[in-house]
Amino acid sequence: MAKIYLSVGSGLSAEQEAFVQALESRVQAAGMTTHTVGRNEFSSDTPLKAVIALMDECDGAIVLALERLRFESGIERPSSEKEQVLGPTSLATSWNQIEATLAYERKLPLLVLVDDCLRQDGMLEPNNDWYVENLQLDPGQLDSKEFIGRFRHWLSKVEHFDGQATAMQEAGQTDADIASRSIGDWLRTFTPAQAWGILASLAAAIAGSFALGLWLGKTIGG
């Protein structure tokens, strides 16, 4: 079963929590499990270490950016030539940016969902290496034709990533098994005639190397 890292803030409003639960149910219905540090995964390590360790076990990531900060007015780039007065502005938790970066670094298939009330910047901006889905906090939006289509496309990437990871793990185990087998183990896989032939070839090669060493020694010494 594929494991999905879900990047979502804590301390959610009732409306936000209802949407998160609806998204988690959609992921579970697709045969995957969601994992979030501080939500359903807990660790004695620092938050960043816990996130890294958990993400290393995952096959995909969903970044769900919800409103964390809201201010009615502000100033961007104060005291500079590009100073700009801001009106009402909402921002997501900075952990969305951190976790999206970690997922991208690991080449995990990314599904980025952003509350349409948010200011989008950094990893939440459009025109990166992934599509950014702007939506309202209505669980019904998860049933839209557009979302279902993008979700299925992302799911196919997750399944491909999971398959590659499994193949690499099995290949690594095979290599380890091969390296750990003794000569006796290998010889037992052959018939007696084949085993004697291999041993004879090895003996001839060793004898040839020894004779060559003596000849070179005499030549150099002479």
C-alpha atoms as a PDB file:
ATOM      1  CA  MET A   1       0.000   0.000   0.000  1.00  0.00           C
ATOM      2  CA  ALA A   2       1.437   3.343  -1.056  1.00  0.00           C
ATOM      3  CA  LYS A   3       2.229   5.838   1.692  1.00  0.00           C
ATOM      4  CA  ILE A   4       1.450   9.497   1.044  1.00  0.00           C
ATOM      5  CA  TYR A   5       2.966  12.381   2.940  1.00  0.00           C
ATOM      6  CA  LEU A   6       0.230  14.944   3.584  1.00  0.00           C
ATOM      7  CA  SER A   7       1.575  18.418   4.280  1.00  0.00           C
ATOM      8  CA  VAL A   8      -1.098  20.300   6.192  1.00  0.00           C
ATOM      9  CA  GLY A   9      -1.033  22.683   9.115  1.00  0.00           C
ATOM     10  CA  SER A  10      -2.387  22.125  12.605  1.00  0.00           C
ATOM     11  CA  GLY A  11      -4.808  24.169  14.687  1.00  0.00           C
ATOM     12  CA  LEU A  12      -7.394  24.092  11.921  1.00  0.00           C
ATOM     13  CA  SER A  13     -10.832  25.647  11.864  1.00  0.00           C
ATOM     14  CA  ALA A  14     -13.869  23.359  11.707  1.00  0.00           C
ATOM     15  CA  GLU A  15     -14.252  24.127   7.999  1.00  0.00           C
ATOM     16  CA  GLN A  16     -10.597  23.366   7.294  1.00  0.00           C
ATOM     17  CA  GLU A  17     -10.669  20.149   9.310  1.00  0.00           C
ATOM     18  CA  ALA A  18     -13.746  18.910   7.432  1.00  0.00           C
ATOM     19  CA  PHE A  19     -11.965  19.467   4.124  1.00  0.00           C
ATOM     20  CA  VAL A  20      -8.800  17.691   5.307  1.00  0.00           C
ATOM     21  CA  GLN A  21     -10.815  14.685   6.461  1.00  0.00           C
ATOM     22  CA  ALA A  22     -12.610  14.563   3.107  1.00  0.00           C
ATOM     23  CA  LEU A  23      -9.259  14.600   1.302  1.00  0.00           C
ATOM     24  CA  GLU A  24      -7.872  11.881   3.563  1.00  0.00           C
ATOM     25  CA  SER A  25     -10.925   9.746   2.835  1.00  0.00           C
ATOM     26  CA  ARG A  26     -10.422  10.240  -0.911  1.00  0.00           C
ATOM     27  CA  VAL A  27      -6.795   9.094  -0.631  1.00  0.00           C
ATOM     28  CA  GLN A  28      -7.756   6.082   1.487  1.00  0.00           C
ATOM     29  CA  ALA A  29     -10.477   5.121  -1.010  1.00  0.00           C
ATOM     30  CA  ALA A  30      -7.714   4.956  -3.638  1.00  0.00           C
ATOM     31  CA  GLY A  31      -5.886   2.350  -1.546  1.00  0.00           C
ATOM     32  CA  MET A  32      -3.286   4.664  -0.017  1.00  0.00           C
ATOM     33  CA  THR A  33      -2.588   5.956   3.481  1.00  0.00           C
ATOM     34  CA  THR A  34      -1.826   9.531   4.528  1.00  0.00           C
ATOM     35  CA  HIS A  35       0.876  10.433   7.025  1.00  0.00           C
ATOM     36  CA  THR A  36       1.468  13.805   8.664  1.00  0.00           C
ATOM     37  CA  VAL A  37       3.901  14.664  11.436  1.00  0.00           C
ATOM     38  CA  GLY A  38       1.917  16.069  14.346  1.00  0.00           C
ATOM     39  CA  ARG A  39      -1.405  14.794  13.000  1.00  0.00           C
ATOM     40  CA  ASN A  40      -1.191  11.001  12.896  1.00  0.00           C
ATOM     41  CA  GLU A  41       2.577  10.499  13.163  1.00  0.00           C
ATOM     42  CA  PHE A  42       4.584  11.460  16.235  1.00  0.00           C
ATOM     43  CA  SER A  43       8.286  11.371  17.009  1.00  0.00           C
ATOM     44  CA  SER A  44      10.733  12.212  19.791  1.00  0.00           C
ATOM     45  CA  ASP A  45      13.014  13.846  17.193  1.00  0.00           C
ATOM     46  CA  THR A  46      12.875  17.511  16.217  1.00  0.00           C
ATOM     47  CA  PRO A  47      10.065  18.302  13.732  1.00  0.00           C
ATOM     48  CA  LEU A  48      12.374  18.646  10.732  1.00  0.00           C
ATOM     49  CA  LYS A  49      14.133  15.332  11.422  1.00  0.00           C
ATOM     50  CA  ALA A  50      10.763  13.649  11.912  1.00  0.00           C
ATOM     51  CA  VAL A  51       9.473  15.026   8.609  1.00  0.00           C
ATOM     52  CA  ILE A  52      12.583  13.882   6.714  1.00  0.00           C
ATOM     53  CA  ALA A  53      12.469  10.379   8.207  1.00  0.00           C
ATOM     54  CA  LEU A  54       8.764   9.984   7.430  1.00  0.00           C
ATOM     55  CA  MET A  55       9.028  11.375   3.911  1.00  0.00           C
ATOM     56  CA  ASP A  56      11.821   8.917   3.102  1.00  0.00           C
ATOM     57  CA  GLU A  57       9.232   6.157   3.589  1.00  0.00           C
ATOM     58  CA  CYS A  58       6.607   7.702   1.305  1.00  0.00           C
ATOM     59  CA  ASP A  59       5.742   7.203  -2.369  1.00  0.00           C
ATOM     60  CA  GLY A  60       4.074  10.553  -3.000  1.00  0.00           C
ATOM     61  CA  ALA A  61       3.145  13.841  -1.372  1.00  0.00           C
ATOM     62  CA  ILE A  62       0.118  16.091  -1.152  1.00  0.00           C
ATOM     63  CA  VAL A  63       0.634  19.703  -0.122  1.00  0.00           C
ATOM     64  CA  LEU A  64      -2.601  21.190   1.170  1.00  0.00           C
ATOM     65  CA  ALA A  65      -2.085  24.905   1.810  1.00  0.00           C
ATOM     66  CA  LEU A  66      -4.690  26.405   4.122  1.00  0.00           C
ATOM     67  CA  GLU A  67      -4.959  29.812   5.739  1.00  0.00           C
ATOM     68  CA  ARG A  68      -2.685  30.178   8.778  1.00  0.00           C
ATOM     69  CA  LEU A  69      -1.986  33.930   8.907  1.00  0.00           C
ATOM     70  CA  ARG A  70      -4.281  36.823   8.008  1.00  0.00           C
ATOM     71  CA  PHE A  71      -3.676  40.542   8.204  1.00  0.00           C
ATOM     72  CA  GLU A  72      -5.775  43.431   6.991  1.00  0.00           C
ATOM     73  CA  SER A  73      -2.912  45.562   5.692  1.00  0.00           C
ATOM     74  CA  GLY A  74       0.858  45.563   5.424  1.00  0.00           C
ATOM     75  CA  ILE A  75       3.864  46.715   3.465  1.00  0.00           C
ATOM     76  CA  GLU A  76       5.924  44.572   1.112  1.00  0.00           C
ATOM     77  CA  ARG A  77       9.612  45.411   0.616  1.00  0.00           C
ATOM     78  CA  PRO A  78       9.475  48.399   2.988  1.00  0.00           C
ATOM     79  CA  SER A  79      11.819  51.340   2.374  1.00  0.00           C
ATOM     80  CA  SER A  80      12.832  50.012  -1.039  1.00  0.00           C
ATOM     81  CA  GLU A  81      12.123  51.148  -4.588  1.00  0.00           C
ATOM     82  CA  LYS A  82       9.657  48.269  -4.862  1.00  0.00           C
ATOM     83  CA  GLU A  83       7.754  49.079  -1.672  1.00  0.00           C
ATOM     84  CA  GLN A  84       4.110  48.135  -1.986  1.00  0.00           C
ATOM     85  CA  VAL A  85       1.159  48.596   0.313  1.00  0.00           C
ATOM     86  CA  LEU A  86      -0.811  45.399   0.792  1.00  0.00           C
ATOM     87  CA  GLY A  87      -4.482  45.030   1.470  1.00  0.00           C
ATOM     88  CA  PRO A  88      -6.063  42.015   3.235  1.00  0.00           C
ATOM     89  CA  THR A  89      -3.649  39.089   2.822  1.00  0.00           C
ATOM     90  CA  SER A  90      -3.675  35.440   3.945  1.00  0.00           C
ATOM     91  CA  LEU A  91      -0.686  33.097   4.118  1.00  0.00           C
ATOM     92  CA  ALA A  92      -0.239  29.359   4.635  1.00  0.00           C
ATOM     93  CA  THR A  93       2.034  27.723   7.177  1.00  0.00           C
ATOM     94  CA  SER A  94       5.732  27.879   6.266  1.00  0.00           C
ATOM     95  CA  TRP A  95       5.848  24.092   6.693  1.00  0.00           C
ATOM     96  CA  ASN A  96       4.006  23.747   3.370  1.00  0.00           C
ATOM     97  CA  GLN A  97       7.020  25.358   1.706  1.00  0.00           C
ATOM     98  CA  ILE A  98       9.532  23.212   3.595  1.00  0.00           C
ATOM     99  CA  GLU A  99       7.724  19.938   3.001  1.00  0.00           C
ATOM    100  CA  ALA A 100       7.037  20.693  -0.659  1.00  0.00           C
ATOM    101  CA  THR A 101      10.760  21.343  -1.134  1.00  0.00           C
ATOM    102  CA  LEU A 102      11.714  18.083   0.587  1.00  0.00           C
ATOM    103  CA  ALA A 103       9.228  16.126  -1.530  1.00  0.00           C
ATOM    104  CA  TYR A 104      10.474  17.725  -4.755  1.00  0.00           C
ATOM    105  CA  GLU A 105      14.078  16.975  -3.794  1.00  0.00           C
ATOM    106  CA  ARG A 106      13.127  13.304  -3.428  1.00  0.00           C
ATOM    107  CA  LYS A 107      11.289  13.371  -6.779  1.00  0.00           C
ATOM    108  CA  LEU A 108       8.049  12.304  -5.088  1.00  0.00           C
ATOM    109  CA  PRO A 109       4.934  12.816  -7.212  1.00  0.00           C
ATOM    110  CA  LEU A 110       3.440  16.094  -5.939  1.00  0.00           C
ATOM    111  CA  LEU A 111      -0.191  17.140  -5.723  1.00  0.00           C
ATOM    112  CA  VAL A 112      -0.408  20.792  -4.635  1.00  0.00           C
ATOM    113  CA  LEU A 113      -3.783  22.102  -3.445  1.00  0.00           C
ATOM    114  CA  VAL A 114      -4.106  25.743  -2.399  1.00  0.00           C
ATOM    115  CA  ASP A 115      -7.022  27.520  -0.739  1.00  0.00           C
ATOM    116  CA  ASP A 116      -7.968  30.237  -3.202  1.00  0.00           C
ATOM    117  CA  CYS A 117      -7.931  32.889  -0.450  1.00  0.00           C
ATOM    118  CA  LEU A 118      -4.158  32.555  -0.078  1.00  0.00           C
ATOM    119  CA  ARG A 119      -1.335  34.586  -1.493  1.00  0.00           C
ATOM    120  CA  GLN A 120       0.666  32.124  -3.603  1.00  0.00           C
ATOM    121  CA  ASP A 121       4.436  32.286  -3.601  1.00  0.00           C
ATOM    122  CA  GLY A 122       7.449  29.991  -3.526  1.00  0.00           C
ATOM    123  CA  MET A 123       6.508  26.327  -3.849  1.00  0.00           C
ATOM    124  CA  LEU A 124       2.807  27.260  -3.931  1.00  0.00           C
ATOM    125  CA  GLU A 125       3.112  29.338  -7.102  1.00  0.00           C
ATOM    126  CA  PRO A 126       1.911  28.115 -10.484  1.00  0.00           C
ATOM    127  CA  ASN A 127       4.392  27.426 -13.284  1.00  0.00           C
ATOM    128  CA  ASN A 128       6.676  25.191 -11.235  1.00  0.00           C
ATOM    129  CA  ASP A 129       7.206  21.540 -12.176  1.00  0.00           C
ATOM    130  CA  TRP A 130       3.707  20.656 -11.035  1.00  0.00           C
ATOM    131  CA  TYR A 131       0.153  21.878 -11.412  1.00  0.00           C
ATOM    132  CA  VAL A 132      -1.258  24.022  -8.593  1.00  0.00           C
ATOM    133  CA  GLU A 133      -4.924  23.357  -7.887  1.00  0.00           C
ATOM    134  CA  ASN A 134      -6.757  26.412  -6.523  1.00  0.00           C
ATOM    135  CA  LEU A 135      -9.925  25.503  -4.695  1.00  0.00           C
ATOM    136  CA  GLN A 136     -12.458  26.600  -2.120  1.00  0.00           C
ATOM    137  CA  LEU A 137     -12.821  24.695   1.117  1.00  0.00           C
ATOM    138  CA  ASP A 138     -15.823  22.740  -0.068  1.00  0.00           C
ATOM    139  CA  PRO A 139     -15.431  18.935   0.118  1.00  0.00           C
ATOM    140  CA  GLY A 140     -17.703  18.775  -2.913  1.00  0.00           C
ATOM    141  CA  GLN A 141     -14.861  20.191  -5.014  1.00  0.00           C
ATOM    142  CA  LEU A 142     -13.088  16.863  -4.576  1.00  0.00           C
ATOM    143  CA  ASP A 143     -15.851  15.328  -6.685  1.00  0.00           C
ATOM    144  CA  SER A 144     -15.409  17.702  -9.606  1.00  0.00           C
ATOM    145  CA  LYS A 145     -14.459  16.262 -12.985  1.00  0.00           C
ATOM    146  CA  GLU A 146     -11.305  18.391 -13.085  1.00  0.00           C
ATOM    147  CA  PHE A 147     -10.035  17.350  -9.668  1.00  0.00           C
ATOM    148  CA  ILE A 148     -10.771  13.664 -10.217  1.00  0.00           C
ATOM    149  CA  GLY A 149      -8.868  13.748 -13.506  1.00  0.00           C
ATOM    150  CA  ARG A 150      -5.798  15.379 -11.981  1.00  0.00           C
ATOM    151  CA  PHE A 151      -6.000  13.123  -8.932  1.00  0.00           C
ATOM    152  CA  ARG A 152      -6.000   9.999 -11.109  1.00  0.00           C
ATOM    153  CA  HIS A 153      -3.042  11.275 -13.122  1.00  0.00           C
ATOM    154  CA  TRP A 154      -1.110  11.952  -9.911  1.00  0.00           C
ATOM    155  CA  LEU A 155      -2.128   8.524  -8.614  1.00  0.00           C
ATOM    156  CA  SER A 156      -0.618   6.860 -11.699  1.00  0.00           C
ATOM    157  CA  LYS A 157       2.684   8.616 -10.931  1.00  0.00           C
ATOM    158  CA  VAL A 158       2.544   7.390  -7.335  1.00  0.00           C
ATOM    159  CA  GLU A 159       1.964   3.810  -8.476  1.00  0.00           C
ATOM    160  CA  HIS A 160       4.914   4.088 -10.879  1.00  0.00           C
ATOM    161  CA  PHE A 161       7.137   5.526  -8.136  1.00  0.00           C
ATOM    162  CA  ASP A 162       6.067   2.787  -5.718  1.00  0.00           C
ATOM    163  CA  GLY A 163       6.785   0.112  -8.342  1.00  0.00           C
ATOM    164  CA  GLN A 164      10.257   1.501  -9.021  1.00  0.00           C
ATOM    165  CA  ALA A 165      11.057   1.658  -5.309  1.00  0.00           C
ATOM    166  CA  THR A 166       9.930  -1.954  -4.838  1.00  0.00           C
ATOM    167  CA  ALA A 167      12.013  -3.124  -7.810  1.00  0.00           C
ATOM    168  CA  MET A 168      15.101  -1.316  -6.500  1.00  0.00           C
ATOM    169  CA  GLN A 169      14.606  -2.806  -3.057  1.00  0.00           C
ATOM    170  CA  GLU A 170      14.258  -6.309  -4.471  1.00  0.00           C
ATOM    171  CA  ALA A 171      17.321  -5.784  -6.667  1.00  0.00           C
ATOM    172  CA  GLY A 172      19.302  -4.645  -3.641  1.00  0.00           C
ATOM    173  CA  GLN A 173      18.237  -7.730  -1.703  1.00  0.00           C
ATOM    174  CA  THR A 174      19.222  -9.948  -4.647  1.00  0.00           C
ATOM    175  CA  ASP A 175      22.662  -8.341  -4.856  1.00  0.00           C
ATOM    176  CA  ALA A 176      23.133  -8.818  -1.138  1.00  0.00           C
ATOM    177  CA  ASP A 177      22.101 -12.463  -1.403  1.00  0.00           C
ATOM    178  CA  ILE A 178      24.555 -12.995  -4.259  1.00  0.00           C
ATOM    179  CA  ALA A 179      27.394 -11.340  -2.379  1.00  0.00           C
ATOM    180  CA  SER A 180      26.729 -13.373   0.750  1.00  0.00           C
ATOM    181  CA  ARG A 181      26.838 -16.784  -0.984  1.00  0.00           C
ATOM    182  CA  SER A 182      29.988 -18.800  -0.552  1.00  0.00           C
ATOM    183  CA  ILE A 183      31.811 -20.678  -3.312  1.00  0.00           C
ATOM    184  CA  GLY A 184      30.395 -23.879  -1.875  1.00  0.00           C
ATOM    185  CA  ASP A 185      26.855 -22.504  -2.185  1.00  0.00           C
ATOM    186  CA  TRP A 186      27.459 -21.625  -5.819  1.00  0.00           C
ATOM    187  CA  LEU A 187      29.012 -25.002  -6.632  1.00  0.00           C
ATOM    188  CA  ARG A 188      26.013 -26.806  -5.168  1.00  0.00           C
ATOM    189  CA  THR A 189      23.827 -25.174  -7.830  1.00  0.00           C
ATOM    190  CA  PHE A 190      25.739 -27.060 -10.573  1.00  0.00           C
ATOM    191  CA  THR A 191      25.868 -30.736 -11.502  1.00  0.00           C
ATOM    192  CA  PRO A 192      28.979 -32.678 -10.304  1.00  0.00           C
ATOM    193  CA  ALA A 193      30.472 -32.584 -13.804  1.00  0.00           C
ATOM    194  CA  GLN A 194      29.922 -28.822 -14.054  1.00  0.00           C
ATOM    195  CA  ALA A 195      31.367 -28.223 -10.596  1.00  0.00           C
ATOM    196  CA  TRP A 196      34.503 -30.262 -11.384  1.00  0.00           C
ATOM    197  CA  GLY A 197      34.901 -28.361 -14.639  1.00  0.00           C
ATOM    198  CA  ILE A 198      34.737 -25.021 -12.842  1.00  0.00           C
ATOM    199  CA  LEU A 199      37.199 -26.146 -10.182  1.00  0.00           C
ATOM    200  CA  ALA A 200      39.584 -27.444 -12.874  1.00  0.00           C
ATOM    201  CA  SER A 201      39.394 -24.110 -14.699  1.00  0.00           C
ATOM    202  CA  LEU A 202      40.087 -22.219 -11.489  1.00  0.00           C
ATOM    203  CA  ALA A 203      43.027 -24.468 -10.686  1.00  0.00           C
ATOM    204  CA  ALA A 204      44.459 -24.003 -14.184  1.00  0.00           C
ATOM    205  CA  ALA A 205      44.078 -20.232 -13.905  1.00  0.00           C
ATOM    206  CA  ILE A 206      45.807 -20.151 -10.523  1.00  0.00           C
ATOM    207  CA  ALA A 207      48.615 -22.392 -11.779  1.00  0.00           C
ATOM    208  CA  GLY A 208      49.042 -20.212 -14.868  1.00  0.00           C
ATOM    209  CA  SER A 209      49.245 -17.078 -12.756  1.00  0.00           C
ATOM    210  CA  PHE A 210      51.806 -18.707 -10.484  1.00  0.00           C
ATOM    211  CA  ALA A 211      53.933 -19.849 -13.459  1.00  0.00           C
ATOM    212  CA  LEU A 212      53.742 -16.397 -15.017  1.00  0.00           C
ATOM    213  CA  GLY A 213      54.910 -14.883 -11.732  1.00  0.00           C
ATOM    214  CA  LEU A 214      57.931 -17.210 -11.626  1.00  0.00           C
ATOM    215  CA  TRP A 215      58.835 -16.471 -15.248  1.00  0.00           C
ATOM    216  CA  LEU A 216      58.600 -12.725 -14.699  1.00  0.00           C
ATOM    217  CA  GLY A 217      60.679 -13.067 -11.554  1.00  0.00           C
ATOM    218  CA  LYS A 218      63.439 -14.929 -13.395  1.00  0.00           C
ATOM    219  CA  THR A 219      63.312 -12.518 -16.332  1.00  0.00           C
ATOM    220  CA  ILE A 220      63.594  -9.443 -14.159  1.00  0.00           C
ATOM    221  CA  GLY A 221      66.195 -11.064 -11.921  1.00  0.00           C
ATOM    222  CA  GLY A 222      68.250 -12.262 -14.920  1.00  0.00           C
END
